[in-house]
Amino acid sequence: MISCPIGLFPRQEAEIETLTRSINQARGAAQKAPYAQSLIEAVDILLACESFSPDSADCLFCRNFSELRRKTAALVVQAGQLDQRRRA
């Protein structure tokens, strides 16, 4: 578990876990995309943390994990957009 000195990570992690479950339960890319967009917004809060310290392993883990989650969610959003265009 990431130990966040300001408690931001655990607060956001709860929302991120809920959104991740929603993405995994949605049937198609178009249905997953809104949850993925919300996940991007939740992760962006972590990436914008003003208390980030490059000397803290916990901060670095949080940042790297958040960047990976953001990239993955962005791919889901793109897939949803492609799915909607294909259906139109």
C-alpha atoms as a PDB file:
ATOM      1  CA  MET A   1       0.000   0.000   0.000  1.00  0.00           C
ATOM      2  CA  ILE A   2       1.193   3.474  -0.817  1.00  0.00           C
ATOM      3  CA  SER A   3       1.649   5.578   2.295  1.00  0.00           C
ATOM      4  CA  CYS A   4       0.452   9.067   1.398  1.00  0.00           C
ATOM      5  CA  PRO A   5       1.567  11.804   3.801  1.00  0.00           C
ATOM      6  CA  ILE A   6      -1.511  13.943   3.038  1.00  0.00           C
ATOM      7  CA  GLY A   7      -4.053  11.119   2.706  1.00  0.00           C
ATOM      8  CA  LEU A   8      -4.900  11.925  -0.910  1.00  0.00           C
ATOM      9  CA  PHE A   9      -4.034   8.517  -2.326  1.00  0.00           C
ATOM     10  CA  PRO A  10      -6.412   6.447  -0.177  1.00  0.00           C
ATOM     11  CA  ARG A  11      -9.292   8.878  -0.812  1.00  0.00           C
ATOM     12  CA  GLN A  12      -8.788   8.737  -4.574  1.00  0.00           C
ATOM     13  CA  GLU A  13      -8.019   5.015  -4.559  1.00  0.00           C
ATOM     14  CA  ALA A  14     -11.508   4.204  -3.274  1.00  0.00           C
ATOM     15  CA  GLU A  15     -13.087   6.090  -6.190  1.00  0.00           C
ATOM     16  CA  ILE A  16     -10.594   4.634  -8.680  1.00  0.00           C
ATOM     17  CA  GLU A  17     -11.367   1.080  -7.535  1.00  0.00           C
ATOM     18  CA  THR A  18     -15.109   1.692  -7.945  1.00  0.00           C
ATOM     19  CA  LEU A  19     -14.612   3.107 -11.442  1.00  0.00           C
ATOM     20  CA  THR A  20     -12.311   0.235 -12.394  1.00  0.00           C
ATOM     21  CA  ARG A  21     -14.974  -2.284 -11.328  1.00  0.00           C
ATOM     22  CA  SER A  22     -17.543  -0.392 -13.403  1.00  0.00           C
ATOM     23  CA  ILE A  23     -15.264  -0.483 -16.446  1.00  0.00           C
ATOM     24  CA  ASN A  24     -14.693  -4.205 -16.011  1.00  0.00           C
ATOM     25  CA  GLN A  25     -18.421  -4.901 -15.658  1.00  0.00           C
ATOM     26  CA  ALA A  26     -19.501  -2.822 -18.668  1.00  0.00           C
ATOM     27  CA  ARG A  27     -20.116  -4.902 -21.764  1.00  0.00           C
ATOM     28  CA  GLY A  28     -18.678  -2.933 -24.657  1.00  0.00           C
ATOM     29  CA  ALA A  29     -16.124  -0.236 -25.317  1.00  0.00           C
ATOM     30  CA  ALA A  30     -18.782   2.467 -25.731  1.00  0.00           C
ATOM     31  CA  GLN A  31     -20.271   1.558 -22.337  1.00  0.00           C
ATOM     32  CA  LYS A  32     -16.837   1.496 -20.681  1.00  0.00           C
ATOM     33  CA  ALA A  33     -15.758   4.911 -22.014  1.00  0.00           C
ATOM     34  CA  PRO A  34     -17.710   7.159 -19.597  1.00  0.00           C
ATOM     35  CA  TYR A  35     -16.306   5.276 -16.607  1.00  0.00           C
ATOM     36  CA  ALA A  36     -12.828   5.488 -18.104  1.00  0.00           C
ATOM     37  CA  GLN A  37     -13.230   9.256 -18.551  1.00  0.00           C
ATOM     38  CA  SER A  38     -14.198   9.562 -14.889  1.00  0.00           C
ATOM     39  CA  LEU A  39     -11.197   7.421 -13.990  1.00  0.00           C
ATOM     40  CA  ILE A  40      -8.932   9.840 -15.872  1.00  0.00           C
ATOM     41  CA  GLU A  41     -10.380  12.713 -13.861  1.00  0.00           C
ATOM     42  CA  ALA A  42      -9.850  10.844 -10.573  1.00  0.00           C
ATOM     43  CA  VAL A  43      -6.266   9.964 -11.491  1.00  0.00           C
ATOM     44  CA  ASP A  44      -5.536  13.527 -12.622  1.00  0.00           C
ATOM     45  CA  ILE A  45      -6.154  14.657  -9.042  1.00  0.00           C
ATOM     46  CA  LEU A  46      -3.307  12.409  -7.919  1.00  0.00           C
ATOM     47  CA  LEU A  47      -1.069  13.553 -10.762  1.00  0.00           C
ATOM     48  CA  ALA A  48      -1.674  17.186  -9.803  1.00  0.00           C
ATOM     49  CA  CYS A  49      -0.713  16.634  -6.148  1.00  0.00           C
ATOM     50  CA  GLU A  50       1.092  19.718  -4.896  1.00  0.00           C
ATOM     51  CA  SER A  51       2.752  17.682  -2.141  1.00  0.00           C
ATOM     52  CA  PHE A  52       4.562  15.419  -4.622  1.00  0.00           C
ATOM     53  CA  SER A  53       8.149  14.772  -3.578  1.00  0.00           C
ATOM     54  CA  PRO A  54      10.554  13.148  -6.041  1.00  0.00           C
ATOM     55  CA  ASP A  55      12.575  11.987  -3.027  1.00  0.00           C
ATOM     56  CA  SER A  56       9.669   9.883  -1.685  1.00  0.00           C
ATOM     57  CA  ALA A  57       9.336   6.304  -2.941  1.00  0.00           C
ATOM     58  CA  ASP A  58       5.620   6.419  -2.088  1.00  0.00           C
ATOM     59  CA  CYS A  59       5.140   9.572  -4.172  1.00  0.00           C
ATOM     60  CA  LEU A  60       7.046   8.024  -7.070  1.00  0.00           C
ATOM     61  CA  PHE A  61       4.969   4.824  -6.886  1.00  0.00           C
ATOM     62  CA  CYS A  62       1.773   6.881  -6.766  1.00  0.00           C
ATOM     63  CA  ARG A  63       2.838   9.015  -9.722  1.00  0.00           C
ATOM     64  CA  ASN A  64       3.972   6.067 -11.851  1.00  0.00           C
ATOM     65  CA  PHE A  65       0.912   3.976 -11.029  1.00  0.00           C
ATOM     66  CA  SER A  66      -1.370   6.935 -11.726  1.00  0.00           C
ATOM     67  CA  GLU A  67       0.293   7.610 -15.075  1.00  0.00           C
ATOM     68  CA  LEU A  68      -0.171   3.974 -16.066  1.00  0.00           C
ATOM     69  CA  ARG A  69      -3.820   4.043 -15.039  1.00  0.00           C
ATOM     70  CA  ARG A  70      -4.346   7.271 -16.978  1.00  0.00           C
ATOM     71  CA  LYS A  71      -2.820   5.813 -20.146  1.00  0.00           C
ATOM     72  CA  THR A  72      -4.925   2.675 -19.847  1.00  0.00           C
ATOM     73  CA  ALA A  73      -8.126   4.649 -19.280  1.00  0.00           C
ATOM     74  CA  ALA A  74      -7.308   6.893 -22.247  1.00  0.00           C
ATOM     75  CA  LEU A  75      -7.081   3.790 -24.451  1.00  0.00           C
ATOM     76  CA  VAL A  76     -10.501   2.660 -23.222  1.00  0.00           C
ATOM     77  CA  VAL A  77     -11.943   6.100 -24.051  1.00  0.00           C
ATOM     78  CA  GLN A  78     -10.404   5.921 -27.539  1.00  0.00           C
ATOM     79  CA  ALA A  79     -11.825   2.431 -28.070  1.00  0.00           C
ATOM     80  CA  GLY A  80     -15.243   3.694 -27.014  1.00  0.00           C
ATOM     81  CA  GLN A  81     -15.051   6.556 -29.488  1.00  0.00           C
ATOM     82  CA  LEU A  82     -14.033   4.184 -32.290  1.00  0.00           C
ATOM     83  CA  ASP A  83     -16.869   1.841 -31.369  1.00  0.00           C
ATOM     84  CA  GLN A  84     -19.400   4.683 -31.518  1.00  0.00           C
ATOM     85  CA  ARG A  85     -18.084   5.846 -34.909  1.00  0.00           C
ATOM     86  CA  ARG A  86     -18.217   2.306 -36.253  1.00  0.00           C
ATOM     87  CA  ARG A  87     -21.841   1.980 -35.198  1.00  0.00           C
ATOM     88  CA  ALA A  88     -22.847   5.341 -36.704  1.00  0.00           C
END
